[in-house]
Protein backbone atom coordinates (compact mmCIF):
# COMPACT_ATOMS: atom_id res chain seq x y z
CA UNK A 1 0.00 0.00 0.00
CA UNK A 2 1.13 3.55 -0.55
CA UNK A 3 2.69 5.65 2.14
CA UNK A 4 0.08 8.40 1.86
CA UNK A 5 -3.59 7.44 2.05
CA UNK A 6 -6.28 9.85 0.92
CA UNK A 7 -8.51 10.79 3.91
CA UNK A 8 -11.68 9.52 2.23
CA UNK A 9 -10.13 6.16 1.41
CA UNK A 10 -8.68 5.94 4.92
CA UNK A 11 -12.15 6.53 6.38
CA UNK A 12 -13.57 3.71 4.22
CA UNK A 13 -10.81 1.36 5.36
CA UNK A 14 -11.46 2.22 9.01
CA UNK A 15 -15.18 1.56 8.54
CA UNK A 16 -14.41 -1.78 6.86
CA UNK A 17 -12.10 -2.74 9.73
CA UNK A 18 -15.02 -2.35 12.14
CA UNK A 19 -17.04 -4.84 10.07
CA UNK A 20 -14.76 -7.72 11.05
CA UNK A 21 -16.24 -8.04 14.55
CA UNK A 22 -19.21 -10.06 15.68
CA UNK A 23 -22.42 -8.37 16.67
CA UNK A 24 -22.95 -7.93 20.43
CA UNK A 25 -25.10 -10.53 22.17
CA UNK A 26 -27.72 -7.99 23.30
CA UNK A 27 -28.34 -7.05 19.66
CA UNK A 28 -28.89 -10.71 18.72
CA UNK A 29 -31.33 -11.22 21.59
CA UNK A 30 -33.16 -8.03 20.63
CA UNK A 31 -33.50 -9.05 16.97
CA UNK A 32 -34.09 -12.82 17.18
CA UNK A 33 -35.47 -13.36 20.71
CA UNK A 34 -34.16 -14.96 23.88
CA UNK A 35 -34.62 -18.63 22.93
CA UNK A 36 -32.92 -18.47 19.53
CA UNK A 37 -29.50 -19.97 19.07
CA UNK A 38 -28.04 -18.06 16.16
CA UNK A 39 -24.50 -17.23 15.16
CA UNK A 40 -23.53 -13.68 16.17
CA UNK A 41 -22.26 -12.79 12.73
CA UNK A 42 -25.77 -12.84 11.22
CA UNK A 43 -26.44 -9.26 12.28
CA UNK A 44 -24.01 -7.71 9.87
CA UNK A 45 -21.24 -8.33 7.44
CA UNK A 46 -18.46 -10.34 9.06
CA UNK A 47 -15.63 -9.63 6.69
CA UNK A 48 -12.24 -11.24 6.32
CA UNK A 49 -9.30 -9.95 4.34
CA UNK A 50 -8.96 -13.37 2.69
CA UNK A 51 -12.57 -13.99 1.72
CA UNK A 52 -14.02 -10.62 0.77
CA UNK A 53 -12.06 -7.96 -1.08
CA UNK A 54 -12.91 -4.30 -0.59
CA UNK A 55 -13.91 -2.12 -3.50
CA UNK A 56 -12.07 0.95 -2.25
PDB file of N, CA and C in Angstrom:
ATOM      1  N   UNK A   1       0.836  -1.175   0.000  1.00  0.00           N
ATOM      2  CA  UNK A   1       0.000   0.000   0.000  1.00  0.00           C
ATOM      3  C   UNK A   1       0.885   1.244   0.000  1.00  0.00           C
ATOM      4  N   UNK A   2       0.339   2.328  -0.472  1.00  0.00           N
ATOM      5  CA  UNK A   2       1.126   3.547  -0.549  1.00  0.00           C
ATOM      6  C   UNK A   2       1.388   4.134   0.832  1.00  0.00           C
ATOM      7  N   UNK A   3       2.358   5.021   0.873  1.00  0.00           N
ATOM      8  CA  UNK A   3       2.691   5.646   2.144  1.00  0.00           C
ATOM      9  C   UNK A   3       1.602   6.632   2.552  1.00  0.00           C
ATOM     10  N   UNK A   4       1.111   7.405   1.583  1.00  0.00           N
ATOM     11  CA  UNK A   4       0.083   8.402   1.862  1.00  0.00           C
ATOM     12  C   UNK A   4      -1.273   7.877   1.437  1.00  0.00           C
ATOM     13  N   UNK A   5      -2.219   7.872   2.363  1.00  0.00           N
ATOM     14  CA  UNK A   5      -3.588   7.438   2.048  1.00  0.00           C
ATOM     15  C   UNK A   5      -4.485   8.666   2.031  1.00  0.00           C
ATOM     16  N   UNK A   6      -5.320   8.762   1.012  1.00  0.00           N
ATOM     17  CA  UNK A   6      -6.278   9.848   0.924  1.00  0.00           C
ATOM     18  C   UNK A   6      -7.249   9.733   2.095  1.00  0.00           C
ATOM     19  N   UNK A   7      -7.642  10.860   2.713  1.00  0.00           N
ATOM     20  CA  UNK A   7      -8.509  10.789   3.906  1.00  0.00           C
ATOM     21  C   UNK A   7      -9.831  10.065   3.679  1.00  0.00           C
ATOM     22  N   UNK A   8     -10.414  10.202   2.491  1.00  0.00           N
ATOM     23  CA  UNK A   8     -11.684   9.520   2.228  1.00  0.00           C
ATOM     24  C   UNK A   8     -11.486   8.006   2.151  1.00  0.00           C
ATOM     25  N   UNK A   9     -10.406   7.594   1.504  1.00  0.00           N
ATOM     26  CA  UNK A   9     -10.129   6.161   1.411  1.00  0.00           C
ATOM     27  C   UNK A   9      -9.777   5.594   2.782  1.00  0.00           C
ATOM     28  N   UNK A  10      -9.046   6.381   3.576  1.00  0.00           N
ATOM     29  CA  UNK A  10      -8.682   5.942   4.915  1.00  0.00           C
ATOM     30  C   UNK A  10      -9.925   5.757   5.781  1.00  0.00           C
ATOM     31  N   UNK A  11     -10.903   6.652   5.631  1.00  0.00           N
ATOM     32  CA  UNK A  11     -12.152   6.526   6.382  1.00  0.00           C
ATOM     33  C   UNK A  11     -12.913   5.271   5.974  1.00  0.00           C
ATOM     34  N   UNK A  12     -12.894   4.936   4.681  1.00  0.00           N
ATOM     35  CA  UNK A  12     -13.574   3.713   4.225  1.00  0.00           C
ATOM     36  C   UNK A  12     -12.878   2.469   4.755  1.00  0.00           C
ATOM     37  N   UNK A  13     -11.547   2.499   4.819  1.00  0.00           N
ATOM     38  CA  UNK A  13     -10.807   1.360   5.359  1.00  0.00           C
ATOM     39  C   UNK A  13     -11.069   1.187   6.851  1.00  0.00           C
ATOM     40  N   UNK A  14     -11.171   2.289   7.579  1.00  0.00           N
ATOM     41  CA  UNK A  14     -11.462   2.221   9.010  1.00  0.00           C
ATOM     42  C   UNK A  14     -12.850   1.644   9.243  1.00  0.00           C
ATOM     43  N   UNK A  15     -13.815   2.076   8.422  1.00  0.00           N
ATOM     44  CA  UNK A  15     -15.177   1.555   8.543  1.00  0.00           C
ATOM     45  C   UNK A  15     -15.214   0.063   8.228  1.00  0.00           C
ATOM     46  N   UNK A  16     -14.449  -0.370   7.221  1.00  0.00           N
ATOM     47  CA  UNK A  16     -14.408  -1.785   6.862  1.00  0.00           C
ATOM     48  C   UNK A  16     -13.739  -2.608   7.953  1.00  0.00           C
ATOM     49  N   UNK A  17     -12.776  -2.013   8.655  1.00  0.00           N
ATOM     50  CA  UNK A  17     -12.100  -2.737   9.730  1.00  0.00           C
ATOM     51  C   UNK A  17     -13.058  -3.012  10.887  1.00  0.00           C
ATOM     52  N   UNK A  18     -14.029  -2.124  11.081  1.00  0.00           N
ATOM     53  CA  UNK A  18     -15.018  -2.348  12.143  1.00  0.00           C
ATOM     54  C   UNK A  18     -15.995  -3.464  11.777  1.00  0.00           C
ATOM     55  N   UNK A  19     -16.104  -3.799  10.499  1.00  0.00           N
ATOM     56  CA  UNK A  19     -17.039  -4.837  10.068  1.00  0.00           C
ATOM     57  C   UNK A  19     -16.488  -6.246  10.254  1.00  0.00           C
ATOM     58  N   UNK A  20     -15.330  -6.389  10.862  1.00  0.00           N
ATOM     59  CA  UNK A  20     -14.763  -7.721  11.051  1.00  0.00           C
ATOM     60  C   UNK A  20     -15.160  -8.318  12.393  1.00  0.00           C
ATOM     61  N   UNK A  21     -15.874  -7.550  13.221  1.00  0.00           N
ATOM     62  CA  UNK A  21     -16.239  -8.036  14.547  1.00  0.00           C
ATOM     63  C   UNK A  21     -17.629  -8.648  14.541  1.00  0.00           C
ATOM     64  N   UNK A  22     -17.874  -9.509  15.506  1.00  0.00           N
ATOM     65  CA  UNK A  22     -19.213 -10.063  15.677  1.00  0.00           C
ATOM     66  C   UNK A  22     -20.144  -9.015  16.247  1.00  0.00           C
ATOM     67  N   UNK A  23     -21.426  -9.232  16.056  1.00  0.00           N
ATOM     68  CA  UNK A  23     -22.420  -8.365  16.666  1.00  0.00           C
ATOM     69  C   UNK A  23     -22.499  -8.664  18.157  1.00  0.00           C
ATOM     70  N   UNK A  24     -22.823  -7.668  18.998  1.00  0.00           N
ATOM     71  CA  UNK A  24     -22.951  -7.925  20.428  1.00  0.00           C
ATOM     72  C   UNK A  24     -24.147  -8.807  20.745  1.00  0.00           C
ATOM     73  N   UNK A  25     -24.054  -9.555  21.838  1.00  0.00           N
ATOM     74  CA  UNK A  25     -25.102 -10.529  22.165  1.00  0.00           C
ATOM     75  C   UNK A  25     -26.442  -9.855  22.453  1.00  0.00           C
ATOM     76  N   UNK A  26     -26.445  -8.633  23.025  1.00  0.00           N
ATOM     77  CA  UNK A  26     -27.725  -7.989  23.302  1.00  0.00           C
ATOM     78  C   UNK A  26     -28.453  -7.635  22.002  1.00  0.00           C
ATOM     79  N   UNK A  27     -27.714  -7.370  20.945  1.00  0.00           N
ATOM     80  CA  UNK A  27     -28.341  -7.055  19.663  1.00  0.00           C
ATOM     81  C   UNK A  27     -28.974  -8.301  19.053  1.00  0.00           C
ATOM     82  N   UNK A  28     -28.349  -9.452  19.238  1.00  0.00           N
ATOM     83  CA  UNK A  28     -28.893 -10.707  18.719  1.00  0.00           C
ATOM     84  C   UNK A  28     -30.164 -11.077  19.464  1.00  0.00           C
ATOM     85  N   UNK A  29     -30.142 -10.921  20.785  1.00  0.00           N
ATOM     86  CA  UNK A  29     -31.332 -11.219  21.590  1.00  0.00           C
ATOM     87  C   UNK A  29     -32.474 -10.281  21.210  1.00  0.00           C
ATOM     88  N   UNK A  30     -32.140  -9.008  20.979  1.00  0.00           N
ATOM     89  CA  UNK A  30     -33.164  -8.027  20.628  1.00  0.00           C
ATOM     90  C   UNK A  30     -33.787  -8.346  19.267  1.00  0.00           C
ATOM     91  N   UNK A  31     -32.982  -8.798  18.315  1.00  0.00           N
ATOM     92  CA  UNK A  31     -33.498  -9.049  16.971  1.00  0.00           C
ATOM     93  C   UNK A  31     -34.190 -10.403  16.852  1.00  0.00           C
ATOM     94  N   UNK A  32     -33.599 -11.457  17.417  1.00  0.00           N
ATOM     95  CA  UNK A  32     -34.086 -12.815  17.184  1.00  0.00           C
ATOM     96  C   UNK A  32     -34.840 -13.414  18.366  1.00  0.00           C
ATOM     97  N   UNK A  33     -34.771 -12.818  19.549  1.00  0.00           N
ATOM     98  CA  UNK A  33     -35.468 -13.358  20.712  1.00  0.00           C
ATOM     99  C   UNK A  33     -34.520 -14.092  21.638  1.00  0.00           C
ATOM    100  N   UNK A  34     -35.004 -14.375  22.841  1.00  0.00           N
ATOM    101  CA  UNK A  34     -34.161 -14.960  23.881  1.00  0.00           C
ATOM    102  C   UNK A  34     -33.849 -16.424  23.589  1.00  0.00           C
ATOM    103  N   UNK A  35     -34.809 -17.196  23.094  1.00  0.00           N
ATOM    104  CA  UNK A  35     -34.620 -18.631  22.930  1.00  0.00           C
ATOM    105  C   UNK A  35     -33.881 -19.043  21.679  1.00  0.00           C
ATOM    106  N   UNK A  36     -33.565 -18.104  20.803  1.00  0.00           N
ATOM    107  CA  UNK A  36     -32.924 -18.466  19.534  1.00  0.00           C
ATOM    108  C   UNK A  36     -31.442 -18.688  19.719  1.00  0.00           C
ATOM    109  N   UNK A  37     -30.938 -19.735  19.108  1.00  0.00           N
ATOM    110  CA  UNK A  37     -29.502 -19.966  19.073  1.00  0.00           C
ATOM    111  C   UNK A  37     -29.045 -19.651  17.653  1.00  0.00           C
ATOM    112  N   UNK A  38     -28.447 -18.502  17.486  1.00  0.00           N
ATOM    113  CA  UNK A  38     -28.040 -18.058  16.157  1.00  0.00           C
ATOM    114  C   UNK A  38     -26.621 -17.517  16.243  1.00  0.00           C
ATOM    115  N   UNK A  39     -25.884 -17.676  15.184  1.00  0.00           N
ATOM    116  CA  UNK A  39     -24.503 -17.232  15.160  1.00  0.00           C
ATOM    117  C   UNK A  39     -24.442 -15.706  15.198  1.00  0.00           C
ATOM    118  N   UNK A  40     -23.571 -15.138  16.007  1.00  0.00           N
ATOM    119  CA  UNK A  40     -23.533 -13.679  16.173  1.00  0.00           C
ATOM    120  C   UNK A  40     -23.205 -12.901  14.908  1.00  0.00           C
ATOM    121  N   UNK A  41     -22.641 -13.535  13.920  1.00  0.00           N
ATOM    122  CA  UNK A  41     -22.257 -12.794  12.727  1.00  0.00           C
ATOM    123  C   UNK A  41     -23.429 -12.552  11.788  1.00  0.00           C
ATOM    124  N   UNK A  42     -24.625 -13.021  12.113  1.00  0.00           N
ATOM    125  CA  UNK A  42     -25.769 -12.843  11.220  1.00  0.00           C
ATOM    126  C   UNK A  42     -26.345 -11.435  11.248  1.00  0.00           C
ATOM    127  N   UNK A  43     -25.888 -10.605  12.180  1.00  0.00           N
ATOM    128  CA  UNK A  43     -26.438  -9.256  12.278  1.00  0.00           C
ATOM    129  C   UNK A  43     -25.655  -8.252  11.462  1.00  0.00           C
ATOM    130  N   UNK A  44     -24.768  -8.662  10.659  1.00  0.00           N
ATOM    131  CA  UNK A  44     -24.013  -7.714   9.867  1.00  0.00           C
ATOM    132  C   UNK A  44     -23.035  -8.450   8.993  1.00  0.00           C
ATOM    133  N   UNK A  45     -22.200  -7.714   8.332  1.00  0.00           N
ATOM    134  CA  UNK A  45     -21.237  -8.326   7.443  1.00  0.00           C
ATOM    135  C   UNK A  45     -19.987  -8.662   8.234  1.00  0.00           C
ATOM    136  N   UNK A  46     -19.713  -9.932   8.422  1.00  0.00           N
ATOM    137  CA  UNK A  46     -18.462 -10.338   9.056  1.00  0.00           C
ATOM    138  C   UNK A  46     -17.478 -10.563   7.931  1.00  0.00           C
ATOM    139  N   UNK A  47     -16.519  -9.658   7.821  1.00  0.00           N
ATOM    140  CA  UNK A  47     -15.629  -9.630   6.685  1.00  0.00           C
ATOM    141  C   UNK A  47     -14.255 -10.165   7.068  1.00  0.00           C
ATOM    142  N   UNK A  48     -13.610 -10.781   6.132  1.00  0.00           N
ATOM    143  CA  UNK A  48     -12.241 -11.236   6.322  1.00  0.00           C
ATOM    144  C   UNK A  48     -11.401 -10.740   5.150  1.00  0.00           C
ATOM    145  N   UNK A  49     -10.155 -10.448   5.404  1.00  0.00           N
ATOM    146  CA  UNK A  49      -9.300  -9.951   4.339  1.00  0.00           C
ATOM    147  C   UNK A  49      -9.016 -11.022   3.293  1.00  0.00           C
ATOM    148  N   UNK A  50      -9.164 -12.302   3.676  1.00  0.00           N
ATOM    149  CA  UNK A  50      -8.960 -13.367   2.694  1.00  0.00           C
ATOM    150  C   UNK A  50     -10.186 -13.596   1.818  1.00  0.00           C
ATOM    151  N   UNK A  51     -11.362 -13.624   2.451  1.00  0.00           N
ATOM    152  CA  UNK A  51     -12.573 -13.993   1.719  1.00  0.00           C
ATOM    153  C   UNK A  51     -13.130 -12.869   0.851  1.00  0.00           C
ATOM    154  N   UNK A  52     -13.329 -11.701   1.447  1.00  0.00           N
ATOM    155  CA  UNK A  52     -14.019 -10.615   0.767  1.00  0.00           C
ATOM    156  C   UNK A  52     -13.048  -9.471   0.510  1.00  0.00           C
ATOM    157  N   UNK A  53     -12.932  -9.091  -0.738  1.00  0.00           N
ATOM    158  CA  UNK A  53     -12.061  -7.962  -1.084  1.00  0.00           C
ATOM    159  C   UNK A  53     -12.878  -6.677  -1.085  1.00  0.00           C
ATOM    160  N   UNK A  54     -12.255  -5.604  -0.660  1.00  0.00           N
ATOM    161  CA  UNK A  54     -12.912  -4.302  -0.591  1.00  0.00           C
ATOM    162  C   UNK A  54     -12.853  -3.616  -1.945  1.00  0.00           C
ATOM    163  N   UNK A  55     -13.886  -2.904  -2.268  1.00  0.00           N
ATOM    164  CA  UNK A  55     -13.909  -2.124  -3.500  1.00  0.00           C
ATOM    165  C   UNK A  55     -13.607  -0.667  -3.156  1.00  0.00           C
ATOM    166  N   UNK A  56     -12.433  -0.425  -2.615  1.00  0.00           N
ATOM    167  CA  UNK A  56     -12.071   0.953  -2.251  1.00  0.00           C
ATOM    168  C   UNK A  56     -10.898   1.423  -3.083  1.00  0.00           C
TER     169      UNK A  56
END
